[in-house]
PDB file of all heavy atoms in Angstrom:
ATOM      1  N   ARG A   1     -13.858   0.049   3.837  1.00  0.00           N
ATOM      2  CA  ARG A   1     -13.557   1.449   3.508  1.00  0.00           C
ATOM      3  C   ARG A   1     -12.474   1.546   2.439  1.00  0.00           C
ATOM      4  O   ARG A   1     -12.540   2.401   1.544  1.00  0.00           O
ATOM      5  CB  ARG A   1     -13.140   2.217   4.756  1.00  0.00           C
ATOM      6  CG  ARG A   1     -14.247   2.388   5.779  1.00  0.00           C
ATOM      7  CD  ARG A   1     -13.911   3.379   6.888  1.00  0.00           C
ATOM      8  NE  ARG A   1     -12.600   3.227   7.481  1.00  0.00           N
ATOM      9  CZ  ARG A   1     -12.336   2.536   8.595  1.00  0.00           C
ATOM     10  NH1 ARG A   1     -13.307   1.892   9.226  1.00  0.00           N
ATOM     11  NH2 ARG A   1     -11.114   2.488   9.077  1.00  0.00           N
ATOM     12  N   LEU A   2     -11.470   0.676   2.512  1.00  0.00           N
ATOM     13  CA  LEU A   2     -10.399   0.682   1.515  1.00  0.00           C
ATOM     14  C   LEU A   2     -10.958   0.329   0.135  1.00  0.00           C
ATOM     15  O   LEU A   2     -10.598   0.958  -0.867  1.00  0.00           O
ATOM     16  CB  LEU A   2      -9.299  -0.301   1.924  1.00  0.00           C
ATOM     17  CG  LEU A   2      -8.042  -0.306   1.068  1.00  0.00           C
ATOM     18  CD1 LEU A   2      -7.322   1.044   1.151  1.00  0.00           C
ATOM     19  CD2 LEU A   2      -7.104  -1.427   1.517  1.00  0.00           C
ATOM     20  N   THR A   3     -11.854  -0.639   0.085  1.00  0.00           N
ATOM     21  CA  THR A   3     -12.504  -1.005  -1.179  1.00  0.00           C
ATOM     22  C   THR A   3     -13.284   0.170  -1.751  1.00  0.00           C
ATOM     23  O   THR A   3     -13.211   0.466  -2.946  1.00  0.00           O
ATOM     24  CB  THR A   3     -13.447  -2.215  -0.970  1.00  0.00           C
ATOM     25  OG1 THR A   3     -12.684  -3.304  -0.477  1.00  0.00           O
ATOM     26  CG2 THR A   3     -14.148  -2.604  -2.250  1.00  0.00           C
ATOM     27  N   GLU A   4     -14.028   0.857  -0.901  1.00  0.00           N
ATOM     28  CA  GLU A   4     -14.799   2.020  -1.352  1.00  0.00           C
ATOM     29  C   GLU A   4     -13.873   3.137  -1.844  1.00  0.00           C
ATOM     30  O   GLU A   4     -14.157   3.799  -2.835  1.00  0.00           O
ATOM     31  CB  GLU A   4     -15.709   2.524  -0.233  1.00  0.00           C
ATOM     32  CG  GLU A   4     -16.654   3.620  -0.656  1.00  0.00           C
ATOM     33  CD  GLU A   4     -17.571   3.233  -1.813  1.00  0.00           C
ATOM     34  OE1 GLU A   4     -17.935   2.049  -1.935  1.00  0.00           O
ATOM     35  OE2 GLU A   4     -17.920   4.129  -2.603  1.00  0.00           O
ATOM     36  N   ASP A   5     -12.757   3.331  -1.156  1.00  0.00           N
ATOM     37  CA  ASP A   5     -11.778   4.330  -1.586  1.00  0.00           C
ATOM     38  C   ASP A   5     -11.267   3.995  -2.982  1.00  0.00           C
ATOM     39  O   ASP A   5     -11.146   4.867  -3.836  1.00  0.00           O
ATOM     40  CB  ASP A   5     -10.623   4.401  -0.592  1.00  0.00           C
ATOM     41  CG  ASP A   5      -9.663   5.531  -0.903  1.00  0.00           C
ATOM     42  OD1 ASP A   5     -10.071   6.710  -0.749  1.00  0.00           O
ATOM     43  OD2 ASP A   5      -8.520   5.253  -1.303  1.00  0.00           O
ATOM     44  N   TYR A   6     -11.000   2.714  -3.226  1.00  0.00           N
ATOM     45  CA  TYR A   6     -10.540   2.303  -4.554  1.00  0.00           C
ATOM     46  C   TYR A   6     -11.614   2.566  -5.603  1.00  0.00           C
ATOM     47  O   TYR A   6     -11.330   3.064  -6.688  1.00  0.00           O
ATOM     48  CB  TYR A   6     -10.139   0.826  -4.556  1.00  0.00           C
ATOM     49  CG  TYR A   6      -9.678   0.389  -5.922  1.00  0.00           C
ATOM     50  CD1 TYR A   6      -8.410   0.734  -6.376  1.00  0.00           C
ATOM     51  CD2 TYR A   6     -10.514  -0.326  -6.758  1.00  0.00           C
ATOM     52  CE1 TYR A   6      -7.991   0.368  -7.638  1.00  0.00           C
ATOM     53  CE2 TYR A   6     -10.110  -0.699  -8.023  1.00  0.00           C
ATOM     54  CZ  TYR A   6      -8.841  -0.353  -8.460  1.00  0.00           C
ATOM     55  OH  TYR A   6      -8.435  -0.720  -9.717  1.00  0.00           O
ATOM     56  N   ARG A   7     -12.852   2.255  -5.276  1.00  0.00           N
ATOM     57  CA  ARG A   7     -13.953   2.487  -6.229  1.00  0.00           C
ATOM     58  C   ARG A   7     -14.077   3.970  -6.571  1.00  0.00           C
ATOM     59  O   ARG A   7     -14.344   4.335  -7.712  1.00  0.00           O
ATOM     60  CB  ARG A   7     -15.273   1.987  -5.653  1.00  0.00           C
ATOM     61  CG  ARG A   7     -15.410   0.501  -5.671  1.00  0.00           C
ATOM     62  CD  ARG A   7     -16.797   0.073  -5.199  1.00  0.00           C
ATOM     63  NE  ARG A   7     -16.876  -1.374  -5.170  1.00  0.00           N
ATOM     64  CZ  ARG A   7     -17.279  -2.083  -4.118  1.00  0.00           C
ATOM     65  NH1 ARG A   7     -17.694  -1.475  -3.020  1.00  0.00           N
ATOM     66  NH2 ARG A   7     -17.317  -3.390  -4.168  1.00  0.00           N
ATOM     67  N   GLN A   8     -13.886   4.824  -5.570  1.00  0.00           N
ATOM     68  CA  GLN A   8     -14.092   6.256  -5.775  1.00  0.00           C
ATOM     69  C   GLN A   8     -12.883   6.960  -6.375  1.00  0.00           C
ATOM     70  O   GLN A   8     -13.037   7.924  -7.117  1.00  0.00           O
ATOM     71  CB  GLN A   8     -14.473   6.929  -4.460  1.00  0.00           C
ATOM     72  CG  GLN A   8     -15.850   6.522  -3.993  1.00  0.00           C
ATOM     73  CD  GLN A   8     -16.294   7.283  -2.755  1.00  0.00           C
ATOM     74  OE1 GLN A   8     -15.630   8.196  -2.282  1.00  0.00           O
ATOM     75  NE2 GLN A   8     -17.433   6.899  -2.214  1.00  0.00           N
ATOM     76  N   ARG A   9     -11.665   6.512  -6.022  1.00  0.00           N
ATOM     77  CA  ARG A   9     -10.494   7.242  -6.501  1.00  0.00           C
ATOM     78  C   ARG A   9      -9.290   6.353  -6.778  1.00  0.00           C
ATOM     79  O   ARG A   9      -8.145   6.775  -6.663  1.00  0.00           O
ATOM     80  CB  ARG A   9     -10.121   8.362  -5.536  1.00  0.00           C
ATOM     81  CG  ARG A   9      -9.918   7.956  -4.114  1.00  0.00           C
ATOM     82  CD  ARG A   9      -9.469   9.106  -3.198  1.00  0.00           C
ATOM     83  NE  ARG A   9      -8.553   8.562  -2.212  1.00  0.00           N
ATOM     84  CZ  ARG A   9      -7.238   8.492  -2.318  1.00  0.00           C
ATOM     85  NH1 ARG A   9      -6.642   8.979  -3.373  1.00  0.00           N
ATOM     86  NH2 ARG A   9      -6.493   7.943  -1.386  1.00  0.00           N
ATOM     87  N   GLY A  10      -9.553   5.113  -7.174  1.00  0.00           N
ATOM     88  CA  GLY A  10      -8.473   4.168  -7.444  1.00  0.00           C
ATOM     89  C   GLY A  10      -7.488   4.656  -8.489  1.00  0.00           C
ATOM     90  O   GLY A  10      -6.298   4.331  -8.433  1.00  0.00           O
ATOM     91  N   GLU A  11      -7.967   5.462  -9.440  1.00  0.00           N
ATOM     92  CA  GLU A  11      -7.057   5.981 -10.470  1.00  0.00           C
ATOM     93  C   GLU A  11      -6.021   6.934  -9.883  1.00  0.00           C
ATOM     94  O   GLU A  11      -5.004   7.203 -10.508  1.00  0.00           O
ATOM     95  CB  GLU A  11      -7.837   6.666 -11.597  1.00  0.00           C
ATOM     96  CG  GLU A  11      -8.506   7.979 -11.224  1.00  0.00           C
ATOM     97  CD  GLU A  11      -9.794   7.827 -10.417  1.00  0.00           C
ATOM     98  OE1 GLU A  11     -10.339   6.716 -10.316  1.00  0.00           O
ATOM     99  OE2 GLU A  11     -10.256   8.857  -9.884  1.00  0.00           O
ATOM    100  N   GLU A  12      -6.252   7.420  -8.662  1.00  0.00           N
ATOM    101  CA  GLU A  12      -5.295   8.314  -7.999  1.00  0.00           C
ATOM    102  C   GLU A  12      -4.257   7.543  -7.180  1.00  0.00           C
ATOM    103  O   GLU A  12      -3.257   8.109  -6.762  1.00  0.00           O
ATOM    104  CB  GLU A  12      -6.035   9.276  -7.068  1.00  0.00           C
ATOM    105  CG  GLU A  12      -6.995  10.204  -7.780  1.00  0.00           C
ATOM    106  CD  GLU A  12      -7.820  11.024  -6.812  1.00  0.00           C
ATOM    107  OE1 GLU A  12      -7.387  11.234  -5.666  1.00  0.00           O
ATOM    108  OE2 GLU A  12      -8.924  11.437  -7.200  1.00  0.00           O
ATOM    109  N   TRP A  13      -4.494   6.283  -6.929  1.00  0.00           N
ATOM    110  CA  TRP A  13      -3.545   5.484  -6.156  1.00  0.00           C
ATOM    111  C   TRP A  13      -2.236   5.364  -6.932  1.00  0.00           C
ATOM    112  O   TRP A  13      -2.248   5.234  -8.163  1.00  0.00           O
ATOM    113  CB  TRP A  13      -4.093   4.093  -5.899  1.00  0.00           C
ATOM    114  CG  TRP A  13      -5.177   3.978  -4.864  1.00  0.00           C
ATOM    115  CD1 TRP A  13      -5.949   4.984  -4.360  1.00  0.00           C
ATOM    116  CD2 TRP A  13      -5.607   2.784  -4.227  1.00  0.00           C
ATOM    117  NE1 TRP A  13      -6.840   4.479  -3.445  1.00  0.00           N
ATOM    118  CE2 TRP A  13      -6.649   3.127  -3.341  1.00  0.00           C
ATOM    119  CE3 TRP A  13      -5.230   1.458  -4.330  1.00  0.00           C
ATOM    120  CZ2 TRP A  13      -7.303   2.181  -2.560  1.00  0.00           C
ATOM    121  CZ3 TRP A  13      -5.883   0.519  -3.552  1.00  0.00           C
ATOM    122  CH2 TRP A  13      -6.899   0.891  -2.670  1.00  0.00           C
ATOM    123  N   GLU A  14      -1.141   5.378  -6.239  1.00  0.00           N
ATOM    124  CA  GLU A  14       0.164   5.181  -6.864  1.00  0.00           C
ATOM    125  C   GLU A  14       0.242   3.796  -7.511  1.00  0.00           C
ATOM    126  O   GLU A  14       0.891   3.611  -8.533  1.00  0.00           O
ATOM    127  CB  GLU A  14       1.273   5.328  -5.812  1.00  0.00           C
ATOM    128  CG  GLU A  14       2.668   5.135  -6.340  1.00  0.00           C
ATOM    129  CD  GLU A  14       3.147   6.268  -7.231  1.00  0.00           C
ATOM    130  OE1 GLU A  14       2.687   7.416  -7.055  1.00  0.00           O
ATOM    131  OE2 GLU A  14       3.986   6.007  -8.126  1.00  0.00           O
ATOM    132  N   ASN A  15      -0.426   2.827  -6.910  1.00  0.00           N
ATOM    133  CA  ASN A  15      -0.371   1.435  -7.369  1.00  0.00           C
ATOM    134  C   ASN A  15      -1.787   0.911  -7.621  1.00  0.00           C
ATOM    135  O   ASN A  15      -2.330   0.158  -6.813  1.00  0.00           O
ATOM    136  CB  ASN A  15       0.341   0.576  -6.315  1.00  0.00           C
ATOM    137  CG  ASN A  15       1.729   1.120  -6.043  1.00  0.00           C
ATOM    138  OD1 ASN A  15       2.566   1.158  -6.925  1.00  0.00           O
ATOM    139  ND2 ASN A  15       1.965   1.563  -4.826  1.00  0.00           N
ATOM    140  N   PRO A  16      -2.398   1.292  -8.747  1.00  0.00           N
ATOM    141  CA  PRO A  16      -3.803   0.976  -8.974  1.00  0.00           C
ATOM    142  C   PRO A  16      -4.089  -0.431  -9.500  1.00  0.00           C
ATOM    143  O   PRO A  16      -5.232  -0.848  -9.506  1.00  0.00           O
ATOM    144  CB  PRO A  16      -4.236   2.029  -9.991  1.00  0.00           C
ATOM    145  CG  PRO A  16      -2.989   2.305 -10.767  1.00  0.00           C
ATOM    146  CD  PRO A  16      -1.872   2.197  -9.763  1.00  0.00           C
ATOM    147  N   THR A  17      -3.061  -1.168  -9.956  1.00  0.00           N
ATOM    148  CA  THR A  17      -3.314  -2.539 -10.412  1.00  0.00           C
ATOM    149  C   THR A  17      -2.966  -3.510  -9.292  1.00  0.00           C
ATOM    150  O   THR A  17      -2.168  -3.193  -8.397  1.00  0.00           O
ATOM    151  CB  THR A  17      -2.478  -2.900 -11.656  1.00  0.00           C
ATOM    152  OG1 THR A  17      -1.098  -2.992 -11.281  1.00  0.00           O
ATOM    153  CG2 THR A  17      -2.665  -1.884 -12.777  1.00  0.00           C
ATOM    154  N   LEU A  18      -3.535  -4.682  -9.341  1.00  0.00           N
ATOM    155  CA  LEU A  18      -3.252  -5.682  -8.312  1.00  0.00           C
ATOM    156  C   LEU A  18      -1.761  -6.010  -8.276  1.00  0.00           C
ATOM    157  O   LEU A  18      -1.159  -6.114  -7.198  1.00  0.00           O
ATOM    158  CB  LEU A  18      -4.083  -6.945  -8.549  1.00  0.00           C
ATOM    159  CG  LEU A  18      -3.890  -8.062  -7.525  1.00  0.00           C
ATOM    160  CD1 LEU A  18      -4.216  -7.570  -6.117  1.00  0.00           C
ATOM    161  CD2 LEU A  18      -4.741  -9.265  -7.902  1.00  0.00           C
ATOM    162  N   GLU A  19      -1.151  -6.149  -9.432  1.00  0.00           N
ATOM    163  CA  GLU A  19       0.281  -6.456  -9.494  1.00  0.00           C
ATOM    164  C   GLU A  19       1.111  -5.362  -8.813  1.00  0.00           C
ATOM    165  O   GLU A  19       1.962  -5.648  -7.968  1.00  0.00           O
ATOM    166  CB  GLU A  19       0.725  -6.616 -10.948  1.00  0.00           C
ATOM    167  CG  GLU A  19       2.211  -6.922 -11.085  1.00  0.00           C
ATOM    168  CD  GLU A  19       2.648  -7.064 -12.539  1.00  0.00           C
ATOM    169  OE1 GLU A  19       1.928  -6.589 -13.446  1.00  0.00           O
ATOM    170  OE2 GLU A  19       3.709  -7.649 -12.738  1.00  0.00           O
ATOM    171  N   GLN A  20       0.856  -4.108  -9.153  1.00  0.00           N
ATOM    172  CA  GLN A  20       1.593  -2.999  -8.539  1.00  0.00           C
ATOM    173  C   GLN A  20       1.307  -2.925  -7.043  1.00  0.00           C
ATOM    174  O   GLN A  20       2.203  -2.670  -6.237  1.00  0.00           O
ATOM    175  CB  GLN A  20       1.218  -1.677  -9.205  1.00  0.00           C
ATOM    176  CG  GLN A  20       1.710  -1.541 -10.624  1.00  0.00           C
ATOM    177  CD  GLN A  20       1.129  -0.305 -11.281  1.00  0.00           C
ATOM    178  OE1 GLN A  20      -0.056   0.004 -11.138  1.00  0.00           O
ATOM    179  NE2 GLN A  20       1.963   0.409 -12.010  1.00  0.00           N
ATOM    180  N   PHE A  21       0.056  -3.114  -6.668  1.00  0.00           N
ATOM    181  CA  PHE A  21      -0.341  -3.059  -5.266  1.00  0.00           C
ATOM    182  C   PHE A  21       0.402  -4.113  -4.454  1.00  0.00           C
ATOM    183  O   PHE A  21       0.965  -3.831  -3.396  1.00  0.00           O
ATOM    184  CB  PHE A  21      -1.859  -3.256  -5.169  1.00  0.00           C
ATOM    185  CG  PHE A  21      -2.413  -3.148  -3.786  1.00  0.00           C
ATOM    186  CD1 PHE A  21      -2.792  -1.917  -3.270  1.00  0.00           C
ATOM    187  CD2 PHE A  21      -2.580  -4.272  -2.998  1.00  0.00           C
ATOM    188  CE1 PHE A  21      -3.328  -1.809  -1.988  1.00  0.00           C
ATOM    189  CE2 PHE A  21      -3.108  -4.181  -1.714  1.00  0.00           C
ATOM    190  CZ  PHE A  21      -3.485  -2.946  -1.216  1.00  0.00           C
ATOM    191  N   LEU A  22       0.439  -5.353  -4.945  1.00  0.00           N
ATOM    192  CA  LEU A  22       1.104  -6.430  -4.214  1.00  0.00           C
ATOM    193  C   LEU A  22       2.615  -6.219  -4.140  1.00  0.00           C
ATOM    194  O   LEU A  22       3.243  -6.501  -3.114  1.00  0.00           O
ATOM    195  CB  LEU A  22       0.772  -7.778  -4.840  1.00  0.00           C
ATOM    196  CG  LEU A  22      -0.691  -8.218  -4.693  1.00  0.00           C
ATOM    197  CD1 LEU A  22      -0.957  -9.485  -5.500  1.00  0.00           C
ATOM    198  CD2 LEU A  22      -1.068  -8.401  -3.235  1.00  0.00           C
ATOM    199  N   GLU A  23       3.213  -5.704  -5.215  1.00  0.00           N
ATOM    200  CA  GLU A  23       4.649  -5.395  -5.187  1.00  0.00           C
ATOM    201  C   GLU A  23       4.940  -4.323  -4.140  1.00  0.00           C
ATOM    202  O   GLU A  23       5.901  -4.429  -3.373  1.00  0.00           O
ATOM    203  CB  GLU A  23       5.127  -4.938  -6.559  1.00  0.00           C
ATOM    204  CG  GLU A  23       5.220  -6.057  -7.567  1.00  0.00           C
ATOM    205  CD  GLU A  23       5.564  -5.561  -8.970  1.00  0.00           C
ATOM    206  OE1 GLU A  23       5.600  -4.333  -9.213  1.00  0.00           O
ATOM    207  OE2 GLU A  23       5.788  -6.417  -9.839  1.00  0.00           O
ATOM    208  N   ALA A  24       4.114  -3.281  -4.098  1.00  0.00           N
ATOM    209  CA  ALA A  24       4.305  -2.209  -3.123  1.00  0.00           C
ATOM    210  C   ALA A  24       4.063  -2.713  -1.705  1.00  0.00           C
ATOM    211  O   ALA A  24       4.774  -2.338  -0.769  1.00  0.00           O
ATOM    212  CB  ALA A  24       3.364  -1.040  -3.429  1.00  0.00           C
ATOM    213  N   LEU A  25       3.070  -3.580  -1.529  1.00  0.00           N
ATOM    214  CA  LEU A  25       2.789  -4.148  -0.223  1.00  0.00           C
ATOM    215  C   LEU A  25       3.999  -4.938   0.276  1.00  0.00           C
ATOM    216  O   LEU A  25       4.436  -4.771   1.416  1.00  0.00           O
ATOM    217  CB  LEU A  25       1.548  -5.038  -0.293  1.00  0.00           C
ATOM    218  CG  LEU A  25       1.111  -5.735   0.988  1.00  0.00           C
ATOM    219  CD1 LEU A  25       0.833  -4.728   2.095  1.00  0.00           C
ATOM    220  CD2 LEU A  25      -0.112  -6.592   0.713  1.00  0.00           C
ATOM    221  N   ALA A  26       4.559  -5.777  -0.573  1.00  0.00           N
ATOM    222  CA  ALA A  26       5.744  -6.551  -0.190  1.00  0.00           C
ATOM    223  C   ALA A  26       6.914  -5.629   0.148  1.00  0.00           C
ATOM    224  O   ALA A  26       7.615  -5.843   1.149  1.00  0.00           O
ATOM    225  CB  ALA A  26       6.135  -7.512  -1.317  1.00  0.00           C
ATOM    226  N   ALA A  27       7.119  -4.588  -0.641  1.00  0.00           N
ATOM    227  CA  ALA A  27       8.225  -3.657  -0.383  1.00  0.00           C
ATOM    228  C   ALA A  27       8.027  -2.910   0.926  1.00  0.00           C
ATOM    229  O   ALA A  27       8.967  -2.754   1.715  1.00  0.00           O
ATOM    230  CB  ALA A  27       8.350  -2.663  -1.542  1.00  0.00           C
ATOM    231  N   TRP A  28       6.811  -2.455   1.184  1.00  0.00           N
ATOM    232  CA  TRP A  28       6.561  -1.709   2.421  1.00  0.00           C
ATOM    233  C   TRP A  28       6.742  -2.597   3.638  1.00  0.00           C
ATOM    234  O   TRP A  28       7.354  -2.206   4.622  1.00  0.00           O
ATOM    235  CB  TRP A  28       5.160  -1.098   2.416  1.00  0.00           C
ATOM    236  CG  TRP A  28       4.933  -0.197   3.587  1.00  0.00           C
ATOM    237  CD1 TRP A  28       5.262   1.133   3.672  1.00  0.00           C
ATOM    238  CD2 TRP A  28       4.350  -0.544   4.850  1.00  0.00           C
ATOM    239  NE1 TRP A  28       4.904   1.624   4.917  1.00  0.00           N
ATOM    240  CE2 TRP A  28       4.346   0.613   5.655  1.00  0.00           C
ATOM    241  CE3 TRP A  28       3.822  -1.716   5.371  1.00  0.00           C
ATOM    242  CZ2 TRP A  28       3.838   0.621   6.944  1.00  0.00           C
ATOM    243  CZ3 TRP A  28       3.318  -1.702   6.655  1.00  0.00           C
ATOM    244  CH2 TRP A  28       3.335  -0.539   7.430  1.00  0.00           C
ATOM    245  N   VAL A  29       6.208  -3.823   3.591  1.00  0.00           N
ATOM    246  CA  VAL A  29       6.348  -4.728   4.731  1.00  0.00           C
ATOM    247  C   VAL A  29       7.820  -5.047   4.973  1.00  0.00           C
ATOM    248  O   VAL A  29       8.284  -5.081   6.115  1.00  0.00           O
ATOM    249  CB  VAL A  29       5.506  -6.010   4.532  1.00  0.00           C
ATOM    250  CG1 VAL A  29       5.824  -7.060   5.582  1.00  0.00           C
ATOM    251  CG2 VAL A  29       4.014  -5.668   4.565  1.00  0.00           C
ATOM    252  N   ALA A  30       8.583  -5.234   3.899  1.00  0.00           N
ATOM    253  CA  ALA A  30      10.021  -5.502   4.041  1.00  0.00           C
ATOM    254  C   ALA A  30      10.739  -4.308   4.665  1.00  0.00           C
ATOM    255  O   ALA A  30      11.606  -4.469   5.532  1.00  0.00           O
ATOM    256  CB  ALA A  30      10.633  -5.849   2.692  1.00  0.00           C
ATOM    257  N   ASP A  31      10.387  -3.110   4.235  1.00  0.00           N
ATOM    258  CA  ASP A  31      11.044  -1.895   4.734  1.00  0.00           C
ATOM    259  C   ASP A  31      10.544  -1.485   6.114  1.00  0.00           C
ATOM    260  O   ASP A  31      11.270  -0.858   6.877  1.00  0.00           O
ATOM    261  CB  ASP A  31      10.818  -0.722   3.773  1.00  0.00           C
ATOM    262  CG  ASP A  31      11.571  -0.890   2.459  1.00  0.00           C
ATOM    263  OD1 ASP A  31      12.460  -1.765   2.384  1.00  0.00           O
ATOM    264  OD2 ASP A  31      11.256  -0.158   1.509  1.00  0.00           O
ATOM    265  N   ALA A  32       9.303  -1.802   6.428  1.00  0.00           N
ATOM    266  CA  ALA A  32       8.669  -1.341   7.666  1.00  0.00           C
ATOM    267  C   ALA A  32       8.767  -2.406   8.751  1.00  0.00           C
ATOM    268  O   ALA A  32       7.763  -2.867   9.270  1.00  0.00           O
ATOM    269  CB  ALA A  32       7.217  -0.963   7.412  1.00  0.00           C
ATOM    270  N   GLY A  33       9.960  -2.776   9.078  1.00  0.00           N
ATOM    271  CA  GLY A  33      10.170  -3.767  10.128  1.00  0.00           C
ATOM    272  C   GLY A  33       9.909  -3.180  11.501  1.00  0.00           C
ATOM    273  O   GLY A  33       9.463  -2.043  11.652  1.00  0.00           O
ATOM    274  N   PRO A  34      10.195  -3.967  12.545  1.00  0.00           N
ATOM    275  CA  PRO A  34       9.920  -3.532  13.921  1.00  0.00           C
ATOM    276  C   PRO A  34      10.555  -2.195  14.289  1.00  0.00           C
ATOM    277  O   PRO A  34       9.928  -1.390  14.971  1.00  0.00           O
ATOM    278  CB  PRO A  34      10.487  -4.668  14.761  1.00  0.00           C
ATOM    279  CG  PRO A  34      10.420  -5.854  13.863  1.00  0.00           C
ATOM    280  CD  PRO A  34      10.687  -5.320  12.472  1.00  0.00           C
ATOM    281  N   SER A  35      11.778  -1.914  13.842  1.00  0.00           N
ATOM    282  CA  SER A  35      12.405  -0.637  14.219  1.00  0.00           C
ATOM    283  C   SER A  35      11.680   0.542  13.565  1.00  0.00           C
ATOM    284  O   SER A  35      11.508   1.589  14.178  1.00  0.00           O
ATOM    285  CB  SER A  35      13.884  -0.628  13.847  1.00  0.00           C
ATOM    286  OG  SER A  35      14.047  -0.739  12.442  1.00  0.00           O
ATOM    287  N   TRP A  36      11.221   0.370  12.332  1.00  0.00           N
ATOM    288  CA  TRP A  36      10.455   1.433  11.671  1.00  0.00           C
ATOM    289  C   TRP A  36       9.162   1.674  12.427  1.00  0.00           C
ATOM    290  O   TRP A  36       8.781   2.807  12.697  1.00  0.00           O
ATOM    291  CB  TRP A  36      10.136   1.039  10.226  1.00  0.00           C
ATOM    292  CG  TRP A  36       9.270   2.050   9.523  1.00  0.00           C
ATOM    293  CD1 TRP A  36       9.694   3.088   8.766  1.00  0.00           C
ATOM    294  CD2 TRP A  36       7.837   2.132   9.545  1.00  0.00           C
ATOM    295  NE1 TRP A  36       8.612   3.807   8.312  1.00  0.00           N
ATOM    296  CE2 TRP A  36       7.466   3.252   8.778  1.00  0.00           C
ATOM    297  CE3 TRP A  36       6.841   1.382  10.146  1.00  0.00           C
ATOM    298  CZ2 TRP A  36       6.139   3.620   8.581  1.00  0.00           C
ATOM    299  CZ3 TRP A  36       5.518   1.753   9.965  1.00  0.00           C
ATOM    300  CH2 TRP A  36       5.186   2.857   9.179  1.00  0.00           C
ATOM    301  N   TYR A  37       8.496   0.607  12.773  1.00  0.00           N
ATOM    302  CA  TYR A  37       7.207   0.720  13.457  1.00  0.00           C
ATOM    303  C   TYR A  37       7.364   1.451  14.777  1.00  0.00           C
ATOM    304  O   TYR A  37       6.586   2.351  15.101  1.00  0.00           O
ATOM    305  CB  TYR A  37       6.618  -0.682  13.674  1.00  0.00           C
ATOM    306  CG  TYR A  37       5.156  -0.667  14.050  1.00  0.00           C
ATOM    307  CD1 TYR A  37       4.178  -0.544  13.076  1.00  0.00           C
ATOM    308  CD2 TYR A  37       4.758  -0.780  15.372  1.00  0.00           C
ATOM    309  CE1 TYR A  37       2.843  -0.532  13.405  1.00  0.00           C
ATOM    310  CE2 TYR A  37       3.417  -0.772  15.715  1.00  0.00           C
ATOM    311  CZ  TYR A  37       2.465  -0.650  14.730  1.00  0.00           C
ATOM    312  OH  TYR A  37       1.140  -0.631  15.061  1.00  0.00           O
ATOM    313  N   GLU A  38       8.384   1.091  15.527  1.00  0.00           N
ATOM    314  CA  GLU A  38       8.609   1.742  16.820  1.00  0.00           C
ATOM    315  C   GLU A  38       8.951   3.220  16.636  1.00  0.00           C
ATOM    316  O   GLU A  38       8.442   4.075  17.346  1.00  0.00           O
ATOM    317  CB  GLU A  38       9.721   1.026  17.584  1.00  0.00           C
ATOM    318  CG  GLU A  38       9.900   1.553  18.990  1.00  0.00           C
ATOM    319  CD  GLU A  38      10.848   0.692  19.809  1.00  0.00           C
ATOM    320  OE1 GLU A  38      11.289  -0.358  19.331  1.00  0.00           O
ATOM    321  OE2 GLU A  38      11.138   1.093  20.943  1.00  0.00           O
ATOM    322  N   ARG A  39       9.776   3.528  15.661  1.00  0.00           N
ATOM    323  CA  ARG A  39      10.196   4.908  15.418  1.00  0.00           C
ATOM    324  C   ARG A  39       9.021   5.790  14.995  1.00  0.00           C
ATOM    325  O   ARG A  39       8.859   6.900  15.473  1.00  0.00           O
ATOM    326  CB  ARG A  39      11.299   4.929  14.357  1.00  0.00           C
ATOM    327  CG  ARG A  39      11.903   6.289  14.121  1.00  0.00           C
ATOM    328  CD  ARG A  39      13.165   6.254  13.246  1.00  0.00           C
ATOM    329  NE  ARG A  39      12.987   5.552  11.992  1.00  0.00           N
ATOM    330  CZ  ARG A  39      13.594   4.409  11.656  1.00  0.00           C
ATOM    331  NH1 ARG A  39      14.426   3.818  12.481  1.00  0.00           N
ATOM    332  NH2 ARG A  39      13.375   3.840  10.489  1.00  0.00           N
ATOM    333  N   TYR A  40       8.177   5.293  14.080  1.00  0.00           N
ATOM    334  CA  TYR A  40       7.105   6.129  13.546  1.00  0.00           C
ATOM    335  C   TYR A  40       5.754   5.965  14.235  1.00  0.00           C
ATOM    336  O   TYR A  40       4.927   6.860  14.166  1.00  0.00           O
ATOM    337  CB  TYR A  40       6.954   5.902  12.036  1.00  0.00           C
ATOM    338  CG  TYR A  40       8.146   6.420  11.286  1.00  0.00           C
ATOM    339  CD1 TYR A  40       9.130   5.565  10.824  1.00  0.00           C
ATOM    340  CD2 TYR A  40       8.328   7.783  11.082  1.00  0.00           C
ATOM    341  CE1 TYR A  40      10.247   6.040  10.155  1.00  0.00           C
ATOM    342  CE2 TYR A  40       9.433   8.270  10.422  1.00  0.00           C
ATOM    343  CZ  TYR A  40      10.386   7.389   9.959  1.00  0.00           C
ATOM    344  OH  TYR A  40      11.493   7.871   9.306  1.00  0.00           O
TER     345      TYR A  40
END
């Protein structure tokens, strides 16, 4: 489903390139530790 979403509206993603996507993924995982997960 995520792949299909990219095909249909990838230009709307904040991070549409692989480089931007991976940087954002690393930042989110770093920021979204166990306390964030429990809180949200």
